[in-house]
Amino acid sequence: MANASEILMVEPTFFNFEEGAAADNVYMSRPDMTVEAVRAKVMEEFNGLVEALRSHGVVVHTFAGEEGCADAVWPNNWIVTMSTGGDASKVVSILFPMKNEARQLERNNKAVRAFLRERYGEADDLTANEQQGRILEGTGSIVMDRDARIAYVSVSERSNEAVAREWAQRYNMQLVLFRSEHRGKPVYHTNVVMAVAHKVAVVAADVVVEGRDELLQSLRGAGKFVVEISSDQVGEFCGNCLEVVGSGGRRFLAMSTRAFNGFTEDQKQAMAEHGLGIIHADISTLENIGGGSVRCMMAELF
């Protein structure tokens, strides 16, 4: 099964507004409450999402965040597990290069690293690219169709084309590159504008400014029913969702309540008709201050 029934999540233990990330993330807002109040609220939201996932049979491994890591709740930007493909295919963990130095510290989480090492052995390490400013932030930058071994990347400062090409060649993935803009800036992460499930793809084609036809052709050529979302729906984090597998092998699209409310009834009905349930939880504080949503909180484990 190409999508995950197990995921890794990191608690927002030391969550705060991260100045460095705000430079190119247009979805972040400064908090209007104390740090203590923010952290209490986001822990409540985190626990609510974990409970929602577990109640549908998704296996969730949670770890505490470490001091000094305000954005630790978004682990998918630095850790990815996947099959290497090819004749000698195996499952590996990969460490990805990140743009902001404060976020690079997240990789020092000893408990997470020990868990991954025990499960996968030593990680493949791509982080030396940071020294040349060559950034590729995990499954923030890369949206994978694991069934078809196709990877989609919206090129940006955090999604370097050259590194994406090297990664795709190394791990036997076909690469589809495009460029997108939203709210007057390049979209910093691909998973803001699209998600790929087993039978369905969600994509904001209207914000793609280069490579739109090739993107849609690839999705449809891989047999996906394409749910097109608007620019306004991108702002509601409708693109930032992830298919997970729960009890009995049932497939769900995990998303925030904000995203759930942002989808039209017709769009949700189309997902249901293609065998896709929905799990959602309110993480509005994390979204408003951190500028990310549910997909960013989950690193898939294979």
C-alpha atoms as a PDB file:
ATOM      1  CA  MET A   1       0.000   0.000   0.000  1.00  0.00           C
ATOM      2  CA  ALA A   2       1.609   3.238  -1.180  1.00  0.00           C
ATOM      3  CA  ASN A   3       0.233   5.570   1.472  1.00  0.00           C
ATOM      4  CA  ALA A   4       0.988   5.435   5.155  1.00  0.00           C
ATOM      5  CA  SER A   5      -0.884   3.792   8.008  1.00  0.00           C
ATOM      6  CA  GLU A   6       1.771   5.049  10.436  1.00  0.00           C
ATOM      7  CA  ILE A   7       2.938   8.611  10.919  1.00  0.00           C
ATOM      8  CA  LEU A   8       5.409  10.509  13.067  1.00  0.00           C
ATOM      9  CA  MET A   9       4.463  13.775  14.772  1.00  0.00           C
ATOM     10  CA  VAL A  10       6.417  16.189  16.978  1.00  0.00           C
ATOM     11  CA  GLU A  11       4.700  18.149  19.735  1.00  0.00           C
ATOM     12  CA  PRO A  12       4.746  21.972  19.523  1.00  0.00           C
ATOM     13  CA  THR A  13       6.438  22.080  22.935  1.00  0.00           C
ATOM     14  CA  PHE A  14       8.318  25.340  22.285  1.00  0.00           C
ATOM     15  CA  PHE A  15       6.092  26.710  19.531  1.00  0.00           C
ATOM     16  CA  ASN A  16       6.317  30.402  18.691  1.00  0.00           C
ATOM     17  CA  PHE A  17       6.183  32.810  15.753  1.00  0.00           C
ATOM     18  CA  GLU A  18       9.395  32.145  13.793  1.00  0.00           C
ATOM     19  CA  GLU A  19      10.790  35.319  12.204  1.00  0.00           C
ATOM     20  CA  GLY A  20      13.019  33.529   9.719  1.00  0.00           C
ATOM     21  CA  ALA A  21      10.187  31.422   8.325  1.00  0.00           C
ATOM     22  CA  ALA A  22       7.928  34.467   7.949  1.00  0.00           C
ATOM     23  CA  ALA A  23      10.183  35.959   5.267  1.00  0.00           C
ATOM     24  CA  ASP A  24       8.592  33.841   2.512  1.00  0.00           C
ATOM     25  CA  ASN A  25       5.590  32.252   4.238  1.00  0.00           C
ATOM     26  CA  VAL A  26       2.664  34.592   3.557  1.00  0.00           C
ATOM     27  CA  TYR A  27       0.299  32.540   5.724  1.00  0.00           C
ATOM     28  CA  MET A  28       1.891  33.424   9.083  1.00  0.00           C
ATOM     29  CA  SER A  29       0.487  36.030  11.497  1.00  0.00           C
ATOM     30  CA  ARG A  30       1.977  37.424  14.692  1.00  0.00           C
ATOM     31  CA  PRO A  31       0.151  36.212  17.816  1.00  0.00           C
ATOM     32  CA  ASP A  32      -1.977  38.557  19.901  1.00  0.00           C
ATOM     33  CA  MET A  33      -1.601  36.515  23.092  1.00  0.00           C
ATOM     34  CA  THR A  34       1.233  35.502  25.394  1.00  0.00           C
ATOM     35  CA  VAL A  35       3.697  32.781  24.473  1.00  0.00           C
ATOM     36  CA  GLU A  36       2.345  30.669  27.347  1.00  0.00           C
ATOM     37  CA  ALA A  37      -1.207  31.008  26.078  1.00  0.00           C
ATOM     38  CA  VAL A  38      -0.142  30.186  22.531  1.00  0.00           C
ATOM     39  CA  ARG A  39       1.701  27.060  23.609  1.00  0.00           C
ATOM     40  CA  ALA A  40      -1.193  25.826  25.719  1.00  0.00           C
ATOM     41  CA  LYS A  41      -3.575  26.311  22.799  1.00  0.00           C
ATOM     42  CA  VAL A  42      -1.411  24.654  20.170  1.00  0.00           C
ATOM     43  CA  MET A  43      -0.767  21.637  22.416  1.00  0.00           C
ATOM     44  CA  GLU A  44      -4.532  21.273  22.743  1.00  0.00           C
ATOM     45  CA  GLU A  45      -4.865  21.426  18.950  1.00  0.00           C
ATOM     46  CA  PHE A  46      -2.021  18.957  18.432  1.00  0.00           C
ATOM     47  CA  ASN A  47      -3.563  16.458  20.831  1.00  0.00           C
ATOM     48  CA  GLY A  48      -6.938  16.857  19.149  1.00  0.00           C
ATOM     49  CA  LEU A  49      -5.476  15.970  15.763  1.00  0.00           C
ATOM     50  CA  VAL A  50      -3.617  12.970  17.188  1.00  0.00           C
ATOM     51  CA  GLU A  51      -6.823  11.707  18.783  1.00  0.00           C
ATOM     52  CA  ALA A  52      -8.795  12.194  15.557  1.00  0.00           C
ATOM     53  CA  LEU A  53      -6.237  10.186  13.602  1.00  0.00           C
ATOM     54  CA  ARG A  54      -6.002   7.399  16.179  1.00  0.00           C
ATOM     55  CA  SER A  55      -9.783   7.135  16.436  1.00  0.00           C
ATOM     56  CA  HIS A  56      -9.810   6.145  12.757  1.00  0.00           C
ATOM     57  CA  GLY A  57      -7.088   3.517  13.207  1.00  0.00           C
ATOM     58  CA  VAL A  58      -4.081   5.528  12.055  1.00  0.00           C
ATOM     59  CA  VAL A  59      -0.952   4.650  14.070  1.00  0.00           C
ATOM     60  CA  VAL A  60       0.648   7.848  15.397  1.00  0.00           C
ATOM     61  CA  HIS A  61       4.088   8.046  17.022  1.00  0.00           C
ATOM     62  CA  THR A  62       4.515  11.312  18.951  1.00  0.00           C
ATOM     63  CA  PHE A  63       7.694  12.917  20.258  1.00  0.00           C
ATOM     64  CA  ALA A  64       8.380  16.003  22.362  1.00  0.00           C
ATOM     65  CA  GLY A  65       9.819  19.040  20.634  1.00  0.00           C
ATOM     66  CA  GLU A  66      13.168  20.364  21.777  1.00  0.00           C
ATOM     67  CA  GLU A  67      13.966  23.753  23.261  1.00  0.00           C
ATOM     68  CA  GLY A  68      14.906  26.355  20.674  1.00  0.00           C
ATOM     69  CA  CYS A  69      12.811  24.699  17.962  1.00  0.00           C
ATOM     70  CA  ALA A  70       9.743  26.900  17.515  1.00  0.00           C
ATOM     71  CA  ASP A  71       8.670  25.084  14.322  1.00  0.00           C
ATOM     72  CA  ALA A  72       9.353  21.495  15.412  1.00  0.00           C
ATOM     73  CA  VAL A  73       5.682  20.661  14.838  1.00  0.00           C
ATOM     74  CA  TRP A  74       6.402  20.516  11.065  1.00  0.00           C
ATOM     75  CA  PRO A  75       8.740  17.455  10.873  1.00  0.00           C
ATOM     76  CA  ASN A  76       7.866  16.572   7.280  1.00  0.00           C
ATOM     77  CA  ASN A  77      10.282  19.278   6.117  1.00  0.00           C
ATOM     78  CA  TRP A  78      13.351  17.398   7.311  1.00  0.00           C
ATOM     79  CA  ILE A  79      12.534  13.705   7.533  1.00  0.00           C
ATOM     80  CA  VAL A  80      11.090  11.526   4.770  1.00  0.00           C
ATOM     81  CA  THR A  81      10.812   7.753   4.601  1.00  0.00           C
ATOM     82  CA  MET A  82      10.277   6.082   1.259  1.00  0.00           C
ATOM     83  CA  SER A  83      11.034   3.147  -0.982  1.00  0.00           C
ATOM     84  CA  THR A  84      14.129   3.615  -3.117  1.00  0.00           C
ATOM     85  CA  GLY A  85      12.557   1.854  -6.099  1.00  0.00           C
ATOM     86  CA  GLY A  86      14.600  -0.028  -8.674  1.00  0.00           C
ATOM     87  CA  ASP A  87      15.709  -3.641  -8.626  1.00  0.00           C
ATOM     88  CA  ALA A  88      17.164  -3.468  -5.109  1.00  0.00           C
ATOM     89  CA  SER A  89      14.336  -1.432  -3.607  1.00  0.00           C
ATOM     90  CA  LYS A  90      14.346  -0.856   0.135  1.00  0.00           C
ATOM     91  CA  VAL A  91      12.764   1.597   2.553  1.00  0.00           C
ATOM     92  CA  VAL A  92      15.068   4.340   3.799  1.00  0.00           C
ATOM     93  CA  SER A  93      14.881   7.507   5.852  1.00  0.00           C
ATOM     94  CA  ILE A  94      16.268  10.700   4.322  1.00  0.00           C
ATOM     95  CA  LEU A  95      17.367  13.938   6.000  1.00  0.00           C
ATOM     96  CA  PHE A  96      16.591  17.002   3.887  1.00  0.00           C
ATOM     97  CA  PRO A  97      18.258  20.438   3.694  1.00  0.00           C
ATOM     98  CA  MET A  98      16.264  23.333   5.182  1.00  0.00           C
ATOM     99  CA  LYS A  99      16.563  27.042   4.552  1.00  0.00           C
ATOM    100  CA  ASN A 100      16.425  28.563   8.040  1.00  0.00           C
ATOM    101  CA  GLU A 101      19.187  27.824  10.530  1.00  0.00           C
ATOM    102  CA  ALA A 102      16.714  27.787  13.416  1.00  0.00           C
ATOM    103  CA  ARG A 103      14.820  24.980  11.713  1.00  0.00           C
ATOM    104  CA  GLN A 104      17.961  22.985  10.991  1.00  0.00           C
ATOM    105  CA  LEU A 105      18.258  22.456  14.754  1.00  0.00           C
ATOM    106  CA  GLU A 106      15.123  20.285  14.621  1.00  0.00           C
ATOM    107  CA  ARG A 107      17.247  17.461  13.220  1.00  0.00           C
ATOM    108  CA  ASN A 108      19.030  17.256  16.595  1.00  0.00           C
ATOM    109  CA  ASN A 109      15.976  15.683  18.244  1.00  0.00           C
ATOM    110  CA  LYS A 110      17.651  12.640  19.777  1.00  0.00           C
ATOM    111  CA  ALA A 111      14.470  10.701  20.437  1.00  0.00           C
ATOM    112  CA  VAL A 112      13.254  11.068  16.855  1.00  0.00           C
ATOM    113  CA  ARG A 113      16.652  10.218  15.402  1.00  0.00           C
ATOM    114  CA  ALA A 114      16.994   7.129  17.619  1.00  0.00           C
ATOM    115  CA  PHE A 115      13.522   5.919  16.613  1.00  0.00           C
ATOM    116  CA  LEU A 116      14.307   6.344  12.925  1.00  0.00           C
ATOM    117  CA  ARG A 117      17.735   4.719  13.246  1.00  0.00           C
ATOM    118  CA  GLU A 118      16.282   1.657  14.959  1.00  0.00           C
ATOM    119  CA  ARG A 119      13.621   1.316  12.297  1.00  0.00           C
ATOM    120  CA  TYR A 120      15.567   2.202   9.126  1.00  0.00           C
ATOM    121  CA  GLY A 121      19.273   2.199   9.981  1.00  0.00           C
ATOM    122  CA  GLU A 122      21.436   5.230   9.259  1.00  0.00           C
ATOM    123  CA  ALA A 123      19.627   7.914   7.305  1.00  0.00           C
ATOM    124  CA  ASP A 124      20.573   9.063   3.835  1.00  0.00           C
ATOM    125  CA  ASP A 125      21.792  12.602   4.457  1.00  0.00           C
ATOM    126  CA  LEU A 126      21.230  15.387   1.910  1.00  0.00           C
ATOM    127  CA  THR A 127      21.867  18.241   4.344  1.00  0.00           C
ATOM    128  CA  ALA A 128      25.327  19.169   2.996  1.00  0.00           C
ATOM    129  CA  ASN A 129      23.394  21.058   0.302  1.00  0.00           C
ATOM    130  CA  GLU A 130      22.634  23.715   2.916  1.00  0.00           C
ATOM    131  CA  GLN A 131      26.226  24.968   2.674  1.00  0.00           C
ATOM    132  CA  GLN A 132      25.576  26.019  -0.932  1.00  0.00           C
ATOM    133  CA  GLY A 133      22.074  27.307  -0.202  1.00  0.00           C
ATOM    134  CA  ARG A 134      20.566  24.377  -2.122  1.00  0.00           C
ATOM    135  CA  ILE A 135      17.357  23.656  -0.253  1.00  0.00           C
ATOM    136  CA  LEU A 136      14.727  20.937  -0.605  1.00  0.00           C
ATOM    137  CA  GLU A 137      12.427  20.751   2.398  1.00  0.00           C
ATOM    138  CA  GLY A 138      11.165  17.187   2.415  1.00  0.00           C
ATOM    139  CA  THR A 139       7.528  16.569   1.620  1.00  0.00           C
ATOM    140  CA  GLY A 140       6.886  20.268   1.956  1.00  0.00           C
ATOM    141  CA  SER A 141       8.840  20.711  -1.274  1.00  0.00           C
ATOM    142  CA  ILE A 142       7.970  17.322  -2.785  1.00  0.00           C
ATOM    143  CA  VAL A 143       4.455  15.955  -3.219  1.00  0.00           C
ATOM    144  CA  MET A 144       4.711  12.299  -4.166  1.00  0.00           C
ATOM    145  CA  ASP A 145       2.462   9.970  -6.065  1.00  0.00           C
ATOM    146  CA  ARG A 146       3.998   6.909  -4.476  1.00  0.00           C
ATOM    147  CA  ASP A 147       1.857   4.535  -6.561  1.00  0.00           C
ATOM    148  CA  ALA A 148       3.183   5.883  -9.864  1.00  0.00           C
ATOM    149  CA  ARG A 149       6.583   7.005  -8.492  1.00  0.00           C
ATOM    150  CA  ILE A 150       6.004  10.562  -9.681  1.00  0.00           C
ATOM    151  CA  ALA A 151       7.198  13.551  -7.656  1.00  0.00           C
ATOM    152  CA  TYR A 152       5.776  17.060  -8.040  1.00  0.00           C
ATOM    153  CA  VAL A 153       7.847  20.112  -7.090  1.00  0.00           C
ATOM    154  CA  SER A 154       6.885  23.778  -7.255  1.00  0.00           C
ATOM    155  CA  VAL A 155      10.282  25.449  -7.626  1.00  0.00           C
ATOM    156  CA  SER A 156      11.080  28.133  -5.017  1.00  0.00           C
ATOM    157  CA  GLU A 157      13.823  29.256  -2.635  1.00  0.00           C
ATOM    158  CA  ARG A 158      12.933  26.281  -0.464  1.00  0.00           C
ATOM    159  CA  SER A 159      12.514  23.845  -3.357  1.00  0.00           C
ATOM    160  CA  ASN A 160      15.692  23.870  -5.427  1.00  0.00           C
ATOM    161  CA  GLU A 161      15.375  22.444  -8.932  1.00  0.00           C
ATOM    162  CA  ALA A 162      18.885  20.965  -9.092  1.00  0.00           C
ATOM    163  CA  VAL A 163      18.562  19.172  -5.748  1.00  0.00           C
ATOM    164  CA  ALA A 164      15.121  17.908  -6.741  1.00  0.00           C
ATOM    165  CA  ARG A 165      16.566  16.448  -9.940  1.00  0.00           C
ATOM    166  CA  GLU A 166      19.408  14.761  -8.064  1.00  0.00           C
ATOM    167  CA  TRP A 167      17.008  13.340  -5.478  1.00  0.00           C
ATOM    168  CA  ALA A 168      14.608  12.046  -8.152  1.00  0.00           C
ATOM    169  CA  GLN A 169      17.401  10.302 -10.053  1.00  0.00           C
ATOM    170  CA  ARG A 170      18.827   8.748  -6.896  1.00  0.00           C
ATOM    171  CA  TYR A 171      15.479   7.406  -5.709  1.00  0.00           C
ATOM    172  CA  ASN A 172      14.015   6.381  -9.071  1.00  0.00           C
ATOM    173  CA  MET A 173      11.248   8.976  -9.216  1.00  0.00           C
ATOM    174  CA  GLN A 174       9.856  10.725 -12.283  1.00  0.00           C
ATOM    175  CA  LEU A 175       9.974  14.479 -11.629  1.00  0.00           C
ATOM    176  CA  VAL A 176       7.365  17.058 -12.641  1.00  0.00           C
ATOM    177  CA  LEU A 177       8.499  20.643 -12.064  1.00  0.00           C
ATOM    178  CA  PHE A 178       6.331  23.754 -12.115  1.00  0.00           C
ATOM    179  CA  ARG A 179       6.142  27.231 -10.621  1.00  0.00           C
ATOM    180  CA  SER A 180       3.308  28.753  -8.659  1.00  0.00           C
ATOM    181  CA  GLU A 181       2.489  32.105  -7.067  1.00  0.00           C
ATOM    182  CA  HIS A 182      -0.003  33.093  -4.384  1.00  0.00           C
ATOM    183  CA  ARG A 183      -0.647  36.419  -2.706  1.00  0.00           C
ATOM    184  CA  GLY A 184       1.993  38.048  -4.854  1.00  0.00           C
ATOM    185  CA  LYS A 185       4.878  35.700  -3.962  1.00  0.00           C
ATOM    186  CA  PRO A 186       6.236  32.372  -5.189  1.00  0.00           C
ATOM    187  CA  VAL A 187       4.638  29.504  -3.289  1.00  0.00           C
ATOM    188  CA  TYR A 188       7.342  28.366  -0.889  1.00  0.00           C
ATOM    189  CA  HIS A 189       6.160  24.740  -0.514  1.00  0.00           C
ATOM    190  CA  THR A 190       4.494  22.493  -3.059  1.00  0.00           C
ATOM    191  CA  ASN A 191       2.171  21.010  -0.446  1.00  0.00           C
ATOM    192  CA  VAL A 192       0.457  24.377  -0.088  1.00  0.00           C
ATOM    193  CA  VAL A 193      -1.078  24.002  -3.544  1.00  0.00           C
ATOM    194  CA  MET A 194      -1.538  20.253  -4.051  1.00  0.00           C
ATOM    195  CA  ALA A 195      -1.959  16.809  -2.557  1.00  0.00           C
ATOM    196  CA  VAL A 196      -1.977  13.386  -4.207  1.00  0.00           C
ATOM    197  CA  ALA A 197      -3.998  10.464  -2.882  1.00  0.00           C
ATOM    198  CA  HIS A 198      -4.511   6.942  -4.268  1.00  0.00           C
ATOM    199  CA  LYS A 199      -7.324   7.886  -6.638  1.00  0.00           C
ATOM    200  CA  VAL A 200      -7.683  11.645  -6.146  1.00  0.00           C
ATOM    201  CA  ALA A 201      -5.442  14.677  -6.562  1.00  0.00           C
ATOM    202  CA  VAL A 202      -6.175  18.101  -5.102  1.00  0.00           C
ATOM    203  CA  VAL A 203      -4.493  20.924  -7.014  1.00  0.00           C
ATOM    204  CA  ALA A 204      -4.738  24.701  -7.308  1.00  0.00           C
ATOM    205  CA  ALA A 205      -4.140  24.909 -11.050  1.00  0.00           C
ATOM    206  CA  ASP A 206      -5.061  28.602 -11.158  1.00  0.00           C
ATOM    207  CA  VAL A 207      -1.998  29.592  -9.084  1.00  0.00           C
ATOM    208  CA  VAL A 208       0.417  27.631 -11.301  1.00  0.00           C
ATOM    209  CA  VAL A 209       2.202  30.165 -13.510  1.00  0.00           C
ATOM    210  CA  GLU A 210       4.529  27.787 -15.357  1.00  0.00           C
ATOM    211  CA  GLY A 211       4.011  24.115 -16.213  1.00  0.00           C
ATOM    212  CA  ARG A 212       0.251  23.975 -15.561  1.00  0.00           C
ATOM    213  CA  ASP A 213      -0.660  21.811 -18.535  1.00  0.00           C
ATOM    214  CA  GLU A 214       2.140  19.340 -17.850  1.00  0.00           C
ATOM    215  CA  LEU A 215       1.111  19.119 -14.192  1.00  0.00           C
ATOM    216  CA  LEU A 216      -2.530  18.367 -14.956  1.00  0.00           C
ATOM    217  CA  GLN A 217      -1.607  15.968 -17.747  1.00  0.00           C
ATOM    218  CA  SER A 218       0.662  14.017 -15.393  1.00  0.00           C
ATOM    219  CA  LEU A 219      -1.984  13.772 -12.665  1.00  0.00           C
ATOM    220  CA  ARG A 220      -4.695  12.626 -15.062  1.00  0.00           C
ATOM    221  CA  GLY A 221      -2.284  10.333 -16.897  1.00  0.00           C
ATOM    222  CA  ALA A 222      -1.628   8.599 -13.579  1.00  0.00           C
ATOM    223  CA  GLY A 223      -5.354   7.948 -13.250  1.00  0.00           C
ATOM    224  CA  LYS A 224      -6.161  10.595 -10.649  1.00  0.00           C
ATOM    225  CA  PHE A 225      -9.525  12.286 -10.385  1.00  0.00           C
ATOM    226  CA  VAL A 226      -8.470  15.934 -10.116  1.00  0.00           C
ATOM    227  CA  VAL A 227     -10.231  18.183  -7.602  1.00  0.00           C
ATOM    228  CA  GLU A 228      -9.278  21.711  -8.620  1.00  0.00           C
ATOM    229  CA  ILE A 229      -9.215  24.263  -5.810  1.00  0.00           C
ATOM    230  CA  SER A 230      -9.258  28.052  -6.087  1.00  0.00           C
ATOM    231  CA  SER A 231      -6.768  30.643  -4.891  1.00  0.00           C
ATOM    232  CA  ASP A 232      -9.102  31.400  -1.979  1.00  0.00           C
ATOM    233  CA  GLN A 233      -9.174  27.710  -1.052  1.00  0.00           C
ATOM    234  CA  VAL A 234      -5.367  27.656  -1.012  1.00  0.00           C
ATOM    235  CA  GLY A 235      -5.608  30.321   1.687  1.00  0.00           C
ATOM    236  CA  GLU A 236      -7.868  27.977   3.654  1.00  0.00           C
ATOM    237  CA  PHE A 237      -5.175  25.262   3.486  1.00  0.00           C
ATOM    238  CA  CYS A 238      -7.282  23.001   1.243  1.00  0.00           C
ATOM    239  CA  GLY A 239      -4.115  21.933  -0.572  1.00  0.00           C
ATOM    240  CA  ASN A 240      -2.324  20.996   2.630  1.00  0.00           C
ATOM    241  CA  CYS A 241      -3.792  17.557   3.275  1.00  0.00           C
ATOM    242  CA  LEU A 242      -2.513  13.990   3.259  1.00  0.00           C
ATOM    243  CA  GLU A 243      -4.018  10.592   2.553  1.00  0.00           C
ATOM    244  CA  VAL A 244      -3.567   8.176   5.458  1.00  0.00           C
ATOM    245  CA  VAL A 245      -4.720   4.589   5.901  1.00  0.00           C
ATOM    246  CA  GLY A 246      -6.822   3.630   8.893  1.00  0.00           C
ATOM    247  CA  SER A 247      -8.685   0.607  10.214  1.00  0.00           C
ATOM    248  CA  GLY A 248      -9.510  -2.064   7.663  1.00  0.00           C
ATOM    249  CA  GLY A 249      -7.362  -0.389   5.044  1.00  0.00           C
ATOM    250  CA  ARG A 250      -9.790   2.495   4.654  1.00  0.00           C
ATOM    251  CA  ARG A 251      -8.306   5.614   3.114  1.00  0.00           C
ATOM    252  CA  PHE A 252      -8.809   9.075   4.569  1.00  0.00           C
ATOM    253  CA  LEU A 253      -7.736  12.554   3.597  1.00  0.00           C
ATOM    254  CA  ALA A 254      -6.437  14.209   6.772  1.00  0.00           C
ATOM    255  CA  MET A 255      -6.906  17.971   6.915  1.00  0.00           C
ATOM    256  CA  SER A 256      -7.745  20.835   9.233  1.00  0.00           C
ATOM    257  CA  THR A 257     -11.286  21.867  10.058  1.00  0.00           C
ATOM    258  CA  ARG A 258     -10.530  25.140   8.286  1.00  0.00           C
ATOM    259  CA  ALA A 259      -9.689  23.208   5.122  1.00  0.00           C
ATOM    260  CA  PHE A 260     -12.729  20.955   5.557  1.00  0.00           C
ATOM    261  CA  ASN A 261     -14.970  24.009   5.707  1.00  0.00           C
ATOM    262  CA  GLY A 262     -13.118  25.483   2.721  1.00  0.00           C
ATOM    263  CA  PHE A 263     -13.945  22.590   0.397  1.00  0.00           C
ATOM    264  CA  THR A 264     -17.304  22.755  -1.376  1.00  0.00           C
ATOM    265  CA  GLU A 265     -19.880  20.053  -0.768  1.00  0.00           C
ATOM    266  CA  ASP A 266     -19.477  18.925  -4.378  1.00  0.00           C
ATOM    267  CA  GLN A 267     -15.718  18.530  -3.880  1.00  0.00           C
ATOM    268  CA  LYS A 268     -16.194  16.511  -0.708  1.00  0.00           C
ATOM    269  CA  GLN A 269     -18.794  14.364  -2.432  1.00  0.00           C
ATOM    270  CA  ALA A 270     -16.378  13.665  -5.290  1.00  0.00           C
ATOM    271  CA  MET A 271     -13.768  12.507  -2.788  1.00  0.00           C
ATOM    272  CA  ALA A 272     -16.291  10.202  -1.128  1.00  0.00           C
ATOM    273  CA  GLU A 273     -17.271   8.745  -4.485  1.00  0.00           C
ATOM    274  CA  HIS A 274     -13.617   7.813  -5.019  1.00  0.00           C
ATOM    275  CA  GLY A 275     -13.415   5.960  -1.701  1.00  0.00           C
ATOM    276  CA  LEU A 276     -11.825   8.765   0.293  1.00  0.00           C
ATOM    277  CA  GLY A 277     -13.094   9.584   3.769  1.00  0.00           C
ATOM    278  CA  ILE A 278     -12.089  12.737   5.624  1.00  0.00           C
ATOM    279  CA  ILE A 279     -10.480  13.219   9.028  1.00  0.00           C
ATOM    280  CA  HIS A 280     -10.298  16.798  10.244  1.00  0.00           C
ATOM    281  CA  ALA A 281      -9.385  18.673  13.407  1.00  0.00           C
ATOM    282  CA  ASP A 282      -9.286  22.326  14.421  1.00  0.00           C
ATOM    283  CA  ILE A 283      -5.671  23.563  14.425  1.00  0.00           C
ATOM    284  CA  SER A 284      -6.452  27.216  13.704  1.00  0.00           C
ATOM    285  CA  THR A 285      -3.835  28.643  16.080  1.00  0.00           C
ATOM    286  CA  LEU A 286      -1.091  26.556  14.509  1.00  0.00           C
ATOM    287  CA  GLU A 287      -2.293  27.622  11.069  1.00  0.00           C
ATOM    288  CA  ASN A 288      -2.592  31.314  11.841  1.00  0.00           C
ATOM    289  CA  ILE A 289       0.733  31.718  13.639  1.00  0.00           C
ATOM    290  CA  GLY A 290       2.803  28.941  12.087  1.00  0.00           C
ATOM    291  CA  GLY A 291       1.533  29.247   8.529  1.00  0.00           C
ATOM    292  CA  GLY A 292       1.243  25.495   8.036  1.00  0.00           C
ATOM    293  CA  SER A 293      -1.503  22.925   8.361  1.00  0.00           C
ATOM    294  CA  VAL A 294      -2.187  19.240   8.910  1.00  0.00           C
ATOM    295  CA  ARG A 295      -0.058  17.777   6.130  1.00  0.00           C
ATOM    296  CA  CYS A 296       3.013  19.625   7.440  1.00  0.00           C
ATOM    297  CA  MET A 297       2.538  18.031  10.873  1.00  0.00           C
ATOM    298  CA  MET A 298       2.861  14.452   9.619  1.00  0.00           C
ATOM    299  CA  ALA A 299       5.954  12.561   8.484  1.00  0.00           C
ATOM    300  CA  GLU A 300       4.847   9.292   6.908  1.00  0.00           C
ATOM    301  CA  LEU A 301       6.426   6.048   8.086  1.00  0.00           C
ATOM    302  CA  PHE A 302       6.773   3.087   5.730  1.00  0.00           C
END
